[in-house]
PDB file of N, CA and C in Angstrom:
ATOM      1  N   UNK A   1       1.465  -1.692   0.144  1.00  0.00           N
ATOM      2  CA  UNK A   1      -0.134  -0.065  -0.181  1.00  0.00           C
ATOM      3  C   UNK A   1       0.897   1.120  -0.183  1.00  0.00           C
ATOM      4  N   UNK A   2       0.124   2.167  -0.804  1.00  0.00           N
ATOM      5  CA  UNK A   2       0.803   3.212  -0.529  1.00  0.00           C
ATOM      6  C   UNK A   2       1.064   4.384   0.112  1.00  0.00           C
ATOM      7  N   UNK A   3       1.840   4.742   1.266  1.00  0.00           N
ATOM      8  CA  UNK A   3       1.406   6.299   1.600  1.00  0.00           C
ATOM      9  C   UNK A   3       1.987   6.939   1.722  1.00  0.00           C
ATOM     10  N   UNK A   4       0.762   8.223   1.992  1.00  0.00           N
ATOM     11  CA  UNK A   4       0.676   9.335   1.512  1.00  0.00           C
ATOM     12  C   UNK A   4       1.499  10.278   2.579  1.00  0.00           C
ATOM     13  N   UNK A   5       1.826  11.812   1.263  1.00  0.00           N
ATOM     14  CA  UNK A   5       2.665  12.142   2.187  1.00  0.00           C
ATOM     15  C   UNK A   5       2.589  12.774   3.460  1.00  0.00           C
ATOM     16  N   UNK A   6       0.900  12.406   4.558  1.00  0.00           N
ATOM     17  CA  UNK A   6       0.157  13.661   5.502  1.00  0.00           C
ATOM     18  C   UNK A   6       0.559  12.477   6.459  1.00  0.00           C
ATOM     19  N   UNK A   7      -0.135  11.269   5.956  1.00  0.00           N
ATOM     20  CA  UNK A   7       0.270  10.174   7.323  1.00  0.00           C
ATOM     21  C   UNK A   7       1.208   9.457   7.410  1.00  0.00           C
ATOM     22  N   UNK A   8       2.677  10.346   7.475  1.00  0.00           N
ATOM     23  CA  UNK A   8       3.850   9.908   8.165  1.00  0.00           C
ATOM     24  C   UNK A   8       4.620  11.180   8.342  1.00  0.00           C
ATOM     25  N   UNK A   9       5.358  11.193   9.477  1.00  0.00           N
ATOM     26  CA  UNK A   9       5.899  12.679   9.921  1.00  0.00           C
ATOM     27  C   UNK A   9       7.196  12.870   9.097  1.00  0.00           C
ATOM     28  N   UNK A  10       7.656  12.128   8.473  1.00  0.00           N
ATOM     29  CA  UNK A  10       8.675  11.857   7.355  1.00  0.00           C
ATOM     30  C   UNK A  10       8.094  12.744   5.733  1.00  0.00           C
ATOM     31  N   UNK A  11       6.405  11.785   5.480  1.00  0.00           N
ATOM     32  CA  UNK A  11       5.986  12.745   4.115  1.00  0.00           C
ATOM     33  C   UNK A  11       5.627  14.481   4.839  1.00  0.00           C
ATOM     34  N   UNK A  12       5.072  14.183   5.658  1.00  0.00           N
ATOM     35  CA  UNK A  12       5.314  15.977   6.305  1.00  0.00           C
ATOM     36  C   UNK A  12       5.597  16.733   6.380  1.00  0.00           C
ATOM     37  N   UNK A  13       7.403  16.098   6.493  1.00  0.00           N
ATOM     38  CA  UNK A  13       7.538  16.939   6.177  1.00  0.00           C
ATOM     39  C   UNK A  13       8.307  17.512   5.435  1.00  0.00           C
ATOM     40  N   UNK A  14       8.826  16.397   3.763  1.00  0.00           N
ATOM     41  CA  UNK A  14       8.629  16.541   3.400  1.00  0.00           C
ATOM     42  C   UNK A  14       8.376  17.715   2.493  1.00  0.00           C
ATOM     43  N   UNK A  15       6.759  17.761   2.688  1.00  0.00           N
ATOM     44  CA  UNK A  15       5.348  18.126   2.053  1.00  0.00           C
ATOM     45  C   UNK A  15       6.423  20.598   2.233  1.00  0.00           C
ATOM     46  N   UNK A  16       6.093  20.131   3.665  1.00  0.00           N
ATOM     47  CA  UNK A  16       6.350  21.136   4.640  1.00  0.00           C
ATOM     48  C   UNK A  16       7.808  22.060   4.308  1.00  0.00           C
ATOM     49  N   UNK A  17       8.680  20.722   3.923  1.00  0.00           N
ATOM     50  CA  UNK A  17      10.189  21.386   3.264  1.00  0.00           C
ATOM     51  C   UNK A  17       9.911  22.337   1.482  1.00  0.00           C
ATOM     52  N   UNK A  18       9.337  21.819   1.128  1.00  0.00           N
ATOM     53  CA  UNK A  18       9.230  21.681   0.183  1.00  0.00           C
ATOM     54  C   UNK A  18       8.192  23.449  -0.627  1.00  0.00           C
ATOM     55  N   UNK A  19       7.583  22.839   0.556  1.00  0.00           N
ATOM     56  CA  UNK A  19       6.536  24.356   1.265  1.00  0.00           C
ATOM     57  C   UNK A  19       6.887  26.054   1.018  1.00  0.00           C
ATOM     58  N   UNK A  20       8.435  25.021   1.420  1.00  0.00           N
ATOM     59  CA  UNK A  20       9.479  26.353   2.025  1.00  0.00           C
ATOM     60  C   UNK A  20       9.807  27.156   1.454  1.00  0.00           C
ATOM     61  N   UNK A  21      11.134  25.782   0.461  1.00  0.00           N
ATOM     62  CA  UNK A  21      11.567  25.969  -0.589  1.00  0.00           C
ATOM     63  C   UNK A  21      10.344  27.532  -1.703  1.00  0.00           C
ATOM     64  N   UNK A  22       9.735  27.191  -2.336  1.00  0.00           N
ATOM     65  CA  UNK A  22       9.106  28.164  -3.092  1.00  0.00           C
ATOM     66  C   UNK A  22       8.721  29.257  -2.114  1.00  0.00           C
ATOM     67  N   UNK A  23       8.904  29.261  -1.000  1.00  0.00           N
ATOM     68  CA  UNK A  23       8.257  31.229  -0.596  1.00  0.00           C
ATOM     69  C   UNK A  23      10.254  30.705  -0.514  1.00  0.00           C
ATOM     70  N   UNK A  24      10.799  30.877  -0.249  1.00  0.00           N
ATOM     71  CA  UNK A  24      12.369  31.536   0.232  1.00  0.00           C
ATOM     72  C   UNK A  24      12.510  32.418  -0.592  1.00  0.00           C
ATOM     73  N   UNK A  25      12.943  32.950   0.177  1.00  0.00           N
ATOM     74  CA  UNK A  25      13.326  34.898  -0.317  1.00  0.00           C
ATOM     75  C   UNK A  25      12.378  35.959  -0.951  1.00  0.00           C
ATOM     76  N   UNK A  26      10.947  35.507  -0.255  1.00  0.00           N
ATOM     77  CA  UNK A  26       9.572  35.658  -0.717  1.00  0.00           C
ATOM     78  C   UNK A  26       9.225  36.923   0.598  1.00  0.00           C
ATOM     79  N   UNK A  27       7.604  37.554   0.433  1.00  0.00           N
ATOM     80  CA  UNK A  27       6.803  38.051   1.350  1.00  0.00           C
ATOM     81  C   UNK A  27       6.313  36.605   2.126  1.00  0.00           C
ATOM     82  N   UNK A  28       6.468  35.691   2.152  1.00  0.00           N
ATOM     83  CA  UNK A  28       5.573  34.038   2.809  1.00  0.00           C
ATOM     84  C   UNK A  28       6.136  33.436   2.937  1.00  0.00           C
ATOM     85  N   UNK A  29       7.711  34.239   3.970  1.00  0.00           N
ATOM     86  CA  UNK A  29       8.158  33.780   4.874  1.00  0.00           C
ATOM     87  C   UNK A  29       7.701  33.516   6.388  1.00  0.00           C
ATOM     88  N   UNK A  30       7.687  31.918   7.090  1.00  0.00           N
ATOM     89  CA  UNK A  30       6.848  32.036   7.699  1.00  0.00           C
ATOM     90  C   UNK A  30       7.555  32.536   9.140  1.00  0.00           C
ATOM     91  N   UNK A  31       5.872  33.364   9.411  1.00  0.00           N
ATOM     92  CA  UNK A  31       7.119  34.419  10.736  1.00  0.00           C
ATOM     93  C   UNK A  31       7.317  33.142  11.710  1.00  0.00           C
ATOM     94  N   UNK A  32       7.789  33.792  13.708  1.00  0.00           N
ATOM     95  CA  UNK A  32       7.575  32.381  14.664  1.00  0.00           C
ATOM     96  C   UNK A  32       7.058  31.445  14.683  1.00  0.00           C
ATOM     97  N   UNK A  33       5.671  32.431  14.845  1.00  0.00           N
ATOM     98  CA  UNK A  33       3.874  31.559  15.290  1.00  0.00           C
ATOM     99  C   UNK A  33       3.275  30.873  14.006  1.00  0.00           C
ATOM    100  N   UNK A  34       4.495  30.848  12.795  1.00  0.00           N
ATOM    101  CA  UNK A  34       3.876  29.274  11.532  1.00  0.00           C
ATOM    102  C   UNK A  34       4.763  28.611  12.351  1.00  0.00           C
ATOM    103  N   UNK A  35       5.377  28.996  12.446  1.00  0.00           N
ATOM    104  CA  UNK A  35       7.314  27.876  12.177  1.00  0.00           C
ATOM    105  C   UNK A  35       6.699  26.767  13.495  1.00  0.00           C
ATOM    106  N   UNK A  36       5.815  27.500  13.902  1.00  0.00           N
ATOM    107  CA  UNK A  36       5.674  26.749  15.256  1.00  0.00           C
ATOM    108  C   UNK A  36       4.358  25.829  14.624  1.00  0.00           C
ATOM    109  N   UNK A  37       3.212  26.504  14.323  1.00  0.00           N
ATOM    110  CA  UNK A  37       2.501  25.371  13.862  1.00  0.00           C
ATOM    111  C   UNK A  37       2.937  23.672  12.744  1.00  0.00           C
ATOM    112  N   UNK A  38       3.828  24.866  11.811  1.00  0.00           N
ATOM    113  CA  UNK A  38       4.449  24.105  10.932  1.00  0.00           C
ATOM    114  C   UNK A  38       4.901  22.617  11.602  1.00  0.00           C
ATOM    115  N   UNK A  39       6.176  22.992  12.967  1.00  0.00           N
ATOM    116  CA  UNK A  39       6.929  22.151  13.696  1.00  0.00           C
ATOM    117  C   UNK A  39       5.592  20.617  14.201  1.00  0.00           C
ATOM    118  N   UNK A  40       4.459  21.455  15.002  1.00  0.00           N
ATOM    119  CA  UNK A  40       3.653  21.123  15.091  1.00  0.00           C
ATOM    120  C   UNK A  40       3.436  20.166  14.255  1.00  0.00           C
ATOM    121  N   UNK A  41       2.545  20.229  12.861  1.00  0.00           N
ATOM    122  CA  UNK A  41       1.535  19.605  12.279  1.00  0.00           C
ATOM    123  C   UNK A  41       2.928  18.298  11.806  1.00  0.00           C
ATOM    124  N   UNK A  42       3.963  19.416  10.829  1.00  0.00           N
ATOM    125  CA  UNK A  42       4.733  17.537  10.661  1.00  0.00           C
ATOM    126  C   UNK A  42       4.871  16.493  11.389  1.00  0.00           C
ATOM    127  N   UNK A  43       5.192  17.315  12.902  1.00  0.00           N
ATOM    128  CA  UNK A  43       4.999  15.979  14.218  1.00  0.00           C
ATOM    129  C   UNK A  43       3.762  15.180  14.255  1.00  0.00           C
ATOM    130  N   UNK A  44       2.571  15.065  13.564  1.00  0.00           N
ATOM    131  CA  UNK A  44       1.852  15.255  14.106  1.00  0.00           C
ATOM    132  C   UNK A  44       0.806  15.644  15.249  1.00  0.00           C
ATOM    133  N   UNK A  45       1.381  16.497  15.463  1.00  0.00           N
ATOM    134  CA  UNK A  45       0.362  17.342  16.698  1.00  0.00           C
ATOM    135  C   UNK A  45      -0.422  17.395  16.327  1.00  0.00           C
ATOM    136  N   UNK A  46      -0.427  18.138  15.122  1.00  0.00           N
ATOM    137  CA  UNK A  46      -1.965  19.625  14.602  1.00  0.00           C
ATOM    138  C   UNK A  46      -2.041  18.668  13.516  1.00  0.00           C
ATOM    139  N   UNK A  47      -3.925  18.208  12.361  1.00  0.00           N
ATOM    140  CA  UNK A  47      -3.591  18.768  11.403  1.00  0.00           C
ATOM    141  C   UNK A  47      -3.428  19.517  10.738  1.00  0.00           C
ATOM    142  N   UNK A  48      -3.433  19.378   9.059  1.00  0.00           N
ATOM    143  CA  UNK A  48      -4.220  20.455   8.366  1.00  0.00           C
ATOM    144  C   UNK A  48      -4.924  21.830   8.392  1.00  0.00           C
ATOM    145  N   UNK A  49      -5.770  21.157   8.955  1.00  0.00           N
ATOM    146  CA  UNK A  49      -7.142  21.908   9.349  1.00  0.00           C
ATOM    147  C   UNK A  49      -7.342  22.935  10.521  1.00  0.00           C
ATOM    148  N   UNK A  50      -6.332  22.171  11.491  1.00  0.00           N
ATOM    149  CA  UNK A  50      -5.979  22.588  12.660  1.00  0.00           C
ATOM    150  C   UNK A  50      -5.463  23.925  12.426  1.00  0.00           C
ATOM    151  N   UNK A  51      -4.314  24.179  11.933  1.00  0.00           N
ATOM    152  CA  UNK A  51      -3.019  24.745  11.775  1.00  0.00           C
ATOM    153  C   UNK A  51      -3.564  25.716  10.444  1.00  0.00           C
ATOM    154  N   UNK A  52      -4.639  25.627   9.858  1.00  0.00           N
ATOM    155  CA  UNK A  52      -5.628  26.274   9.226  1.00  0.00           C
ATOM    156  C   UNK A  52      -6.534  26.755   9.745  1.00  0.00           C
ATOM    157  N   UNK A  53      -7.363  26.712  10.473  1.00  0.00           N
ATOM    158  CA  UNK A  53      -7.978  26.963  11.865  1.00  0.00           C
ATOM    159  C   UNK A  53      -7.270  28.449  12.919  1.00  0.00           C
ATOM    160  N   UNK A  54      -5.840  27.951  13.429  1.00  0.00           N
ATOM    161  CA  UNK A  54      -5.257  28.459  14.002  1.00  0.00           C
ATOM    162  C   UNK A  54      -4.198  29.595  13.349  1.00  0.00           C
ATOM    163  N   UNK A  55      -4.352  29.579  12.708  1.00  0.00           N
ATOM    164  CA  UNK A  55      -4.366  31.139  11.433  1.00  0.00           C
ATOM    165  C   UNK A  55      -4.907  32.208  11.217  1.00  0.00           C
ATOM    166  N   UNK A  56      -6.411  31.382  10.624  1.00  0.00           N
ATOM    167  CA  UNK A  56      -7.303  32.372  10.909  1.00  0.00           C
ATOM    168  C   UNK A  56      -7.305  33.106  12.246  1.00  0.00           C
ATOM    169  N   UNK A  57      -6.962  32.091  13.184  1.00  0.00           N
ATOM    170  CA  UNK A  57      -8.348  32.444  14.648  1.00  0.00           C
ATOM    171  C   UNK A  57      -7.364  34.152  14.966  1.00  0.00           C
ATOM    172  N   UNK A  58      -5.581  33.522  14.121  1.00  0.00           N
ATOM    173  CA  UNK A  58      -4.796  35.061  14.594  1.00  0.00           C
ATOM    174  C   UNK A  58      -5.101  35.682  14.130  1.00  0.00           C
ATOM    175  N   UNK A  59      -5.630  35.523  13.063  1.00  0.00           N
ATOM    176  CA  UNK A  59      -5.777  36.615  11.996  1.00  0.00           C
ATOM    177  C   UNK A  59      -7.100  37.292  12.199  1.00  0.00           C
ATOM    178  N   UNK A  60      -8.044  36.990  12.676  1.00  0.00           N
ATOM    179  CA  UNK A  60      -9.399  38.143  13.763  1.00  0.00           C
ATOM    180  C   UNK A  60      -8.750  38.655  15.118  1.00  0.00           C
ATOM    181  N   UNK A  61      -7.431  38.829  15.320  1.00  0.00           N
ATOM    182  CA  UNK A  61      -7.105  38.904  16.916  1.00  0.00           C
ATOM    183  C   UNK A  61      -7.014  40.077  16.790  1.00  0.00           C
TER     184      UNK A  61
END
């Protein structure tokens, strides 16, 4: 059975690394809070939906 990128820590790390490479040098680089959320996502503590919810909640503060 094939593993999907979001099912393992390694896959999530690869996904985040690829996204950060695309944003590198631009205004889209994550700030400290966003990096913390990404780290929690990679470890599997947060789902992608939870990361998005946290970002949206912060936006409305």
